[in-house]
Amino acid sequence: MFMFRVTSDKLASLAVVFTLYRMTDRRGKRENVGEVCFGKQSSSHQQQNHWDEVVTGSERCAERILN
């Protein structure tokens, strides 16, 4: 679980980028496998819609603990 504390007035101007790296056997070099961006510069229309819902507060926060 990741949690970021951001004021609501700054939320609309932010972007959160998740990047997946693979470590290669050669000298421990990192290889970028992919990334997804939520927020101001979203990767797709679906991510942009989700971020807009977060900013407007139309979504409800829910936490689920997996065993």
PDB file of N, CA and C in Angstrom:
ATOM      1  N   MET A   1       0.842  -1.168   0.000  1.00  0.00           N
ATOM      2  CA  MET A   1       0.000   0.000   0.000  1.00  0.00           C
ATOM      3  C   MET A   1       0.891   1.236   0.000  1.00  0.00           C
ATOM      4  N   PHE A   2       0.553   2.182  -0.833  1.00  0.00           N
ATOM      5  CA  PHE A   2       1.253   3.457  -0.889  1.00  0.00           C
ATOM      6  C   PHE A   2       0.310   4.548  -0.419  1.00  0.00           C
ATOM      7  N   MET A   3       0.851   5.500   0.315  1.00  0.00           N
ATOM      8  CA  MET A   3       0.030   6.615   0.765  1.00  0.00           C
ATOM      9  C   MET A   3       0.838   7.892   0.611  1.00  0.00           C
ATOM     10  N   PHE A   4       0.207   8.895   0.006  1.00  0.00           N
ATOM     11  CA  PHE A   4       0.839  10.186  -0.185  1.00  0.00           C
ATOM     12  C   PHE A   4      -0.056  11.250   0.423  1.00  0.00           C
ATOM     13  N   ARG A   5       0.506  12.135   1.200  1.00  0.00           N
ATOM     14  CA  ARG A   5      -0.259  13.242   1.784  1.00  0.00           C
ATOM     15  C   ARG A   5      -0.098  14.463   0.895  1.00  0.00           C
ATOM     16  N   VAL A   6      -1.222  14.871   0.285  1.00  0.00           N
ATOM     17  CA  VAL A   6      -1.226  16.001  -0.637  1.00  0.00           C
ATOM     18  C   VAL A   6      -2.449  16.844  -0.328  1.00  0.00           C
ATOM     19  N   THR A   7      -2.276  18.155  -0.312  1.00  0.00           N
ATOM     20  CA  THR A   7      -3.421  19.031  -0.083  1.00  0.00           C
ATOM     21  C   THR A   7      -4.338  18.994  -1.300  1.00  0.00           C
ATOM     22  N   SER A   8      -5.623  19.171  -1.070  1.00  0.00           N
ATOM     23  CA  SER A   8      -6.605  19.061  -2.159  1.00  0.00           C
ATOM     24  C   SER A   8      -6.406  20.117  -3.232  1.00  0.00           C
ATOM     25  N   ASP A   9      -5.894  21.287  -2.872  1.00  0.00           N
ATOM     26  CA  ASP A   9      -5.691  22.322  -3.888  1.00  0.00           C
ATOM     27  C   ASP A   9      -4.527  21.994  -4.827  1.00  0.00           C
ATOM     28  N   LYS A  10      -3.598  21.133  -4.414  1.00  0.00           N
ATOM     29  CA  LYS A  10      -2.476  20.739  -5.272  1.00  0.00           C
ATOM     30  C   LYS A  10      -2.735  19.436  -6.022  1.00  0.00           C
ATOM     31  N   LEU A  11      -3.765  18.715  -5.642  1.00  0.00           N
ATOM     32  CA  LEU A  11      -4.026  17.397  -6.209  1.00  0.00           C
ATOM     33  C   LEU A  11      -4.242  17.429  -7.718  1.00  0.00           C
ATOM     34  N   ALA A  12      -4.944  18.431  -8.220  1.00  0.00           N
ATOM     35  CA  ALA A  12      -5.252  18.500  -9.650  1.00  0.00           C
ATOM     36  C   ALA A  12      -4.017  18.748 -10.510  1.00  0.00           C
ATOM     37  N   SER A  13      -2.950  19.272  -9.932  1.00  0.00           N
ATOM     38  CA  SER A  13      -1.764  19.601 -10.727  1.00  0.00           C
ATOM     39  C   SER A  13      -0.658  18.550 -10.629  1.00  0.00           C
ATOM     40  N   LEU A  14      -0.919  17.432  -9.954  1.00  0.00           N
ATOM     41  CA  LEU A  14       0.094  16.401  -9.753  1.00  0.00           C
ATOM     42  C   LEU A  14      -0.043  15.248 -10.732  1.00  0.00           C
ATOM     43  N   ALA A  15       1.038  14.503 -10.874  1.00  0.00           N
ATOM     44  CA  ALA A  15       1.035  13.247 -11.621  1.00  0.00           C
ATOM     45  C   ALA A  15       1.782  12.214 -10.787  1.00  0.00           C
ATOM     46  N   VAL A  16       1.266  10.994 -10.764  1.00  0.00           N
ATOM     47  CA  VAL A  16       1.919   9.886 -10.080  1.00  0.00           C
ATOM     48  C   VAL A  16       2.313   8.880 -11.152  1.00  0.00           C
ATOM     49  N   VAL A  17       3.602   8.578 -11.230  1.00  0.00           N
ATOM     50  CA  VAL A  17       4.113   7.661 -12.245  1.00  0.00           C
ATOM     51  C   VAL A  17       4.658   6.422 -11.550  1.00  0.00           C
ATOM     52  N   PHE A  18       4.147   5.253 -11.940  1.00  0.00           N
ATOM     53  CA  PHE A  18       4.655   3.975 -11.451  1.00  0.00           C
ATOM     54  C   PHE A  18       5.484   3.366 -12.575  1.00  0.00           C
ATOM     55  N   THR A  19       6.739   3.069 -12.281  1.00  0.00           N
ATOM     56  CA  THR A  19       7.650   2.502 -13.270  1.00  0.00           C
ATOM     57  C   THR A  19       8.116   1.136 -12.789  1.00  0.00           C
ATOM     58  N   LEU A  20       8.079   0.151 -13.685  1.00  0.00           N
ATOM     59  CA  LEU A  20       8.524  -1.201 -13.375  1.00  0.00           C
ATOM     60  C   LEU A  20       9.874  -1.432 -14.046  1.00  0.00           C
ATOM     61  N   TYR A  21      10.858  -1.828 -13.232  1.00  0.00           N
ATOM     62  CA  TYR A  21      12.194  -2.102 -13.737  1.00  0.00           C
ATOM     63  C   TYR A  21      12.524  -3.574 -13.563  1.00  0.00           C
ATOM     64  N   ARG A  22      13.372  -4.074 -14.447  1.00  0.00           N
ATOM     65  CA  ARG A  22      13.910  -5.428 -14.334  1.00  0.00           C
ATOM     66  C   ARG A  22      15.418  -5.288 -14.195  1.00  0.00           C
ATOM     67  N   MET A  23      15.973  -5.971 -13.215  1.00  0.00           N
ATOM     68  CA  MET A  23      17.423  -5.940 -13.030  1.00  0.00           C
ATOM     69  C   MET A  23      18.043  -7.025 -13.904  1.00  0.00           C
ATOM     70  N   THR A  24      18.975  -6.638 -14.760  1.00  0.00           N
ATOM     71  CA  THR A  24      19.636  -7.609 -15.633  1.00  0.00           C
ATOM     72  C   THR A  24      20.806  -8.247 -14.894  1.00  0.00           C
ATOM     73  N   ASP A  25      21.213  -9.401 -15.367  1.00  0.00           N
ATOM     74  CA  ASP A  25      22.344 -10.103 -14.760  1.00  0.00           C
ATOM     75  C   ASP A  25      23.662  -9.397 -15.046  1.00  0.00           C
ATOM     76  N   ARG A  26      23.704  -8.699 -16.163  1.00  0.00           N
ATOM     77  CA  ARG A  26      24.935  -7.995 -16.533  1.00  0.00           C
ATOM     78  C   ARG A  26      25.118  -6.759 -15.666  1.00  0.00           C
ATOM     79  N   ARG A  27      26.056  -6.787 -14.798  1.00  0.00           N
ATOM     80  CA  ARG A  27      26.446  -5.629 -13.981  1.00  0.00           C
ATOM     81  C   ARG A  27      25.275  -4.977 -13.252  1.00  0.00           C
ATOM     82  N   GLY A  28      24.211  -5.702 -13.009  1.00  0.00           N
ATOM     83  CA  GLY A  28      23.074  -5.167 -12.261  1.00  0.00           C
ATOM     84  C   GLY A  28      22.388  -3.994 -12.928  1.00  0.00           C
ATOM     85  N   LYS A  29      22.408  -3.980 -14.241  1.00  0.00           N
ATOM     86  CA  LYS A  29      21.810  -2.872 -14.989  1.00  0.00           C
ATOM     87  C   LYS A  29      20.286  -2.937 -14.920  1.00  0.00           C
ATOM     88  N   ARG A  30      19.652  -1.755 -14.779  1.00  0.00           N
ATOM     89  CA  ARG A  30      18.184  -1.678 -14.748  1.00  0.00           C
ATOM     90  C   ARG A  30      17.644  -1.550 -16.167  1.00  0.00           C
ATOM     91  N   GLU A  31      16.571  -2.284 -16.426  1.00  0.00           N
ATOM     92  CA  GLU A  31      15.893  -2.202 -17.717  1.00  0.00           C
ATOM     93  C   GLU A  31      14.444  -1.793 -17.463  1.00  0.00           C
ATOM     94  N   ASN A  32      14.014  -0.704 -18.081  1.00  0.00           N
ATOM     95  CA  ASN A  32      12.643  -0.219 -17.919  1.00  0.00           C
ATOM     96  C   ASN A  32      11.695  -1.159 -18.657  1.00  0.00           C
ATOM     97  N   VAL A  33      10.772  -1.782 -17.923  1.00  0.00           N
ATOM     98  CA  VAL A  33       9.808  -2.708 -18.509  1.00  0.00           C
ATOM     99  C   VAL A  33       8.541  -1.971 -18.922  1.00  0.00           C
ATOM    100  N   GLY A  34       8.131  -0.980 -18.147  1.00  0.00           N
ATOM    101  CA  GLY A  34       6.932  -0.220 -18.481  1.00  0.00           C
ATOM    102  C   GLY A  34       6.579   0.757 -17.382  1.00  0.00           C
ATOM    103  N   GLU A  35       5.620   1.626 -17.689  1.00  0.00           N
ATOM    104  CA  GLU A  35       5.165   2.580 -16.686  1.00  0.00           C
ATOM    105  C   GLU A  35       3.734   2.999 -16.983  1.00  0.00           C
ATOM    106  N   VAL A  36       3.082   3.490 -15.939  1.00  0.00           N
ATOM    107  CA  VAL A  36       1.731   4.019 -16.060  1.00  0.00           C
ATOM    108  C   VAL A  36       1.684   5.318 -15.261  1.00  0.00           C
ATOM    109  N   CYS A  37       0.976   6.285 -15.807  1.00  0.00           N
ATOM    110  CA  CYS A  37       0.908   7.604 -15.190  1.00  0.00           C
ATOM    111  C   CYS A  37      -0.543   7.948 -14.881  1.00  0.00           C
ATOM    112  N   PHE A  38      -0.793   8.357 -13.645  1.00  0.00           N
ATOM    113  CA  PHE A  38      -2.094   8.855 -13.221  1.00  0.00           C
ATOM    114  C   PHE A  38      -1.931  10.328 -12.897  1.00  0.00           C
ATOM    115  N   GLY A  39      -2.901  11.130 -13.250  1.00  0.00           N
ATOM    116  CA  GLY A  39      -2.852  12.535 -12.877  1.00  0.00           C
ATOM    117  C   GLY A  39      -2.842  13.468 -14.060  1.00  0.00           C
ATOM    118  N   LYS A  40      -2.069  14.532 -13.919  1.00  0.00           N
ATOM    119  CA  LYS A  40      -2.071  15.606 -14.902  1.00  0.00           C
ATOM    120  C   LYS A  40      -1.727  15.132 -16.312  1.00  0.00           C
ATOM    121  N   GLN A  41      -0.818  14.174 -16.440  1.00  0.00           N
ATOM    122  CA  GLN A  41      -0.419  13.655 -17.752  1.00  0.00           C
ATOM    123  C   GLN A  41      -0.685  12.153 -17.804  1.00  0.00           C
ATOM    124  N   SER A  42      -1.929  11.759 -17.667  1.00  0.00           N
ATOM    125  CA  SER A  42      -2.293  10.349 -17.577  1.00  0.00           C
ATOM    126  C   SER A  42      -1.939   9.582 -18.840  1.00  0.00           C
ATOM    127  N   SER A  43      -1.703   8.269 -18.656  1.00  0.00           N
ATOM    128  CA  SER A  43      -1.327   7.400 -19.766  1.00  0.00           C
ATOM    129  C   SER A  43      -2.484   7.121 -20.710  1.00  0.00           C
ATOM    130  N   SER A  44      -3.698   7.158 -20.201  1.00  0.00           N
ATOM    131  CA  SER A  44      -4.852   6.862 -21.054  1.00  0.00           C
ATOM    132  C   SER A  44      -6.079   7.620 -20.555  1.00  0.00           C
ATOM    133  N   HIS A  45      -7.124   7.549 -21.344  1.00  0.00           N
ATOM    134  CA  HIS A  45      -8.384   8.205 -20.985  1.00  0.00           C
ATOM    135  C   HIS A  45      -8.957   7.618 -19.689  1.00  0.00           C
ATOM    136  N   GLN A  46      -8.819   6.309 -19.521  1.00  0.00           N
ATOM    137  CA  GLN A  46      -9.342   5.642 -18.321  1.00  0.00           C
ATOM    138  C   GLN A  46      -8.633   6.148 -17.059  1.00  0.00           C
ATOM    139  N   GLN A  47      -7.311   6.270 -17.108  1.00  0.00           N
ATOM    140  CA  GLN A  47      -6.584   6.792 -15.952  1.00  0.00           C
ATOM    141  C   GLN A  47      -6.960   8.242 -15.679  1.00  0.00           C
ATOM    142  N   GLN A  48      -7.160   9.029 -16.741  1.00  0.00           N
ATOM    143  CA  GLN A  48      -7.537  10.431 -16.568  1.00  0.00           C
ATOM    144  C   GLN A  48      -8.902  10.547 -15.911  1.00  0.00           C
ATOM    145  N   ASN A  49      -9.857   9.705 -16.329  1.00  0.00           N
ATOM    146  CA  ASN A  49     -11.187   9.712 -15.708  1.00  0.00           C
ATOM    147  C   ASN A  49     -11.097   9.365 -14.224  1.00  0.00           C
ATOM    148  N   HIS A  50     -10.287   8.356 -13.898  1.00  0.00           N
ATOM    149  CA  HIS A  50     -10.129   7.963 -12.499  1.00  0.00           C
ATOM    150  C   HIS A  50      -9.534   9.116 -11.689  1.00  0.00           C
ATOM    151  N   TRP A  51      -8.509   9.762 -12.222  1.00  0.00           N
ATOM    152  CA  TRP A  51      -7.872  10.859 -11.499  1.00  0.00           C
ATOM    153  C   TRP A  51      -8.841  12.017 -11.305  1.00  0.00           C
ATOM    154  N   ASP A  52      -9.644  12.309 -12.322  1.00  0.00           N
ATOM    155  CA  ASP A  52     -10.639  13.376 -12.203  1.00  0.00           C
ATOM    156  C   ASP A  52     -11.636  13.073 -11.088  1.00  0.00           C
ATOM    157  N   GLU A  53     -12.016  11.792 -10.947  1.00  0.00           N
ATOM    158  CA  GLU A  53     -12.921  11.395  -9.869  1.00  0.00           C
ATOM    159  C   GLU A  53     -12.249  11.552  -8.506  1.00  0.00           C
ATOM    160  N   VAL A  54     -10.959  11.261  -8.435  1.00  0.00           N
ATOM    161  CA  VAL A  54     -10.221  11.446  -7.181  1.00  0.00           C
ATOM    162  C   VAL A  54     -10.192  12.921  -6.804  1.00  0.00           C
ATOM    163  N   VAL A  55      -9.901  13.778  -7.783  1.00  0.00           N
ATOM    164  CA  VAL A  55      -9.791  15.216  -7.521  1.00  0.00           C
ATOM    165  C   VAL A  55     -11.124  15.809  -7.082  1.00  0.00           C
ATOM    166  N   THR A  56     -12.222  15.386  -7.711  1.00  0.00           N
ATOM    167  CA  THR A  56     -13.530  15.941  -7.365  1.00  0.00           C
ATOM    168  C   THR A  56     -14.109  15.321  -6.098  1.00  0.00           C
ATOM    169  N   GLY A  57     -13.506  14.238  -5.625  1.00  0.00           N
ATOM    170  CA  GLY A  57     -13.970  13.613  -4.396  1.00  0.00           C
ATOM    171  C   GLY A  57     -15.207  12.760  -4.577  1.00  0.00           C
ATOM    172  N   SER A  58     -15.485  12.329  -5.806  1.00  0.00           N
ATOM    173  CA  SER A  58     -16.684  11.522  -6.041  1.00  0.00           C
ATOM    174  C   SER A  58     -16.465  10.046  -5.716  1.00  0.00           C
ATOM    175  N   GLU A  59     -15.227   9.650  -5.451  1.00  0.00           N
ATOM    176  CA  GLU A  59     -14.927   8.268  -5.081  1.00  0.00           C
ATOM    177  C   GLU A  59     -14.843   8.153  -3.566  1.00  0.00           C
ATOM    178  N   ARG A  60     -15.131   6.971  -3.056  1.00  0.00           N
ATOM    179  CA  ARG A  60     -15.022   6.712  -1.628  1.00  0.00           C
ATOM    180  C   ARG A  60     -13.754   5.907  -1.369  1.00  0.00           C
ATOM    181  N   CYS A  61     -13.012   6.275  -0.363  1.00  0.00           N
ATOM    182  CA  CYS A  61     -11.783   5.574  -0.020  1.00  0.00           C
ATOM    183  C   CYS A  61     -12.129   4.266   0.691  1.00  0.00           C
ATOM    184  N   ALA A  62     -11.538   3.174   0.240  1.00  0.00           N
ATOM    185  CA  ALA A  62     -11.764   1.874   0.867  1.00  0.00           C
ATOM    186  C   ALA A  62     -10.424   1.179   1.029  1.00  0.00           C
ATOM    187  N   GLU A  63     -10.261   0.491   2.138  1.00  0.00           N
ATOM    188  CA  GLU A  63      -9.021  -0.221   2.392  1.00  0.00           C
ATOM    189  C   GLU A  63      -9.338  -1.686   2.586  1.00  0.00           C
ATOM    190  N   ARG A  64      -8.552  -2.525   1.934  1.00  0.00           N
ATOM    191  CA  ARG A  64      -8.745  -3.959   2.073  1.00  0.00           C
ATOM    192  C   ARG A  64      -7.397  -4.581   2.421  1.00  0.00           C
ATOM    193  N   ILE A  65      -7.357  -5.378   3.454  1.00  0.00           N
ATOM    194  CA  ILE A  65      -6.123  -6.039   3.865  1.00  0.00           C
ATOM    195  C   ILE A  65      -6.154  -7.463   3.340  1.00  0.00           C
ATOM    196  N   LEU A  66      -5.122  -7.807   2.562  1.00  0.00           N
ATOM    197  CA  LEU A  66      -5.024  -9.150   2.001  1.00  0.00           C
ATOM    198  C   LEU A  66      -4.108  -9.992   2.870  1.00  0.00           C
ATOM    199  N   ASN A  67      -4.504 -11.224   3.097  1.00  0.00           N
ATOM    200  CA  ASN A  67      -3.671 -12.137   3.897  1.00  0.00           C
ATOM    201  C   ASN A  67      -2.757 -12.924   3.021  1.00  0.00           C
TER     202      ASN A  67
END
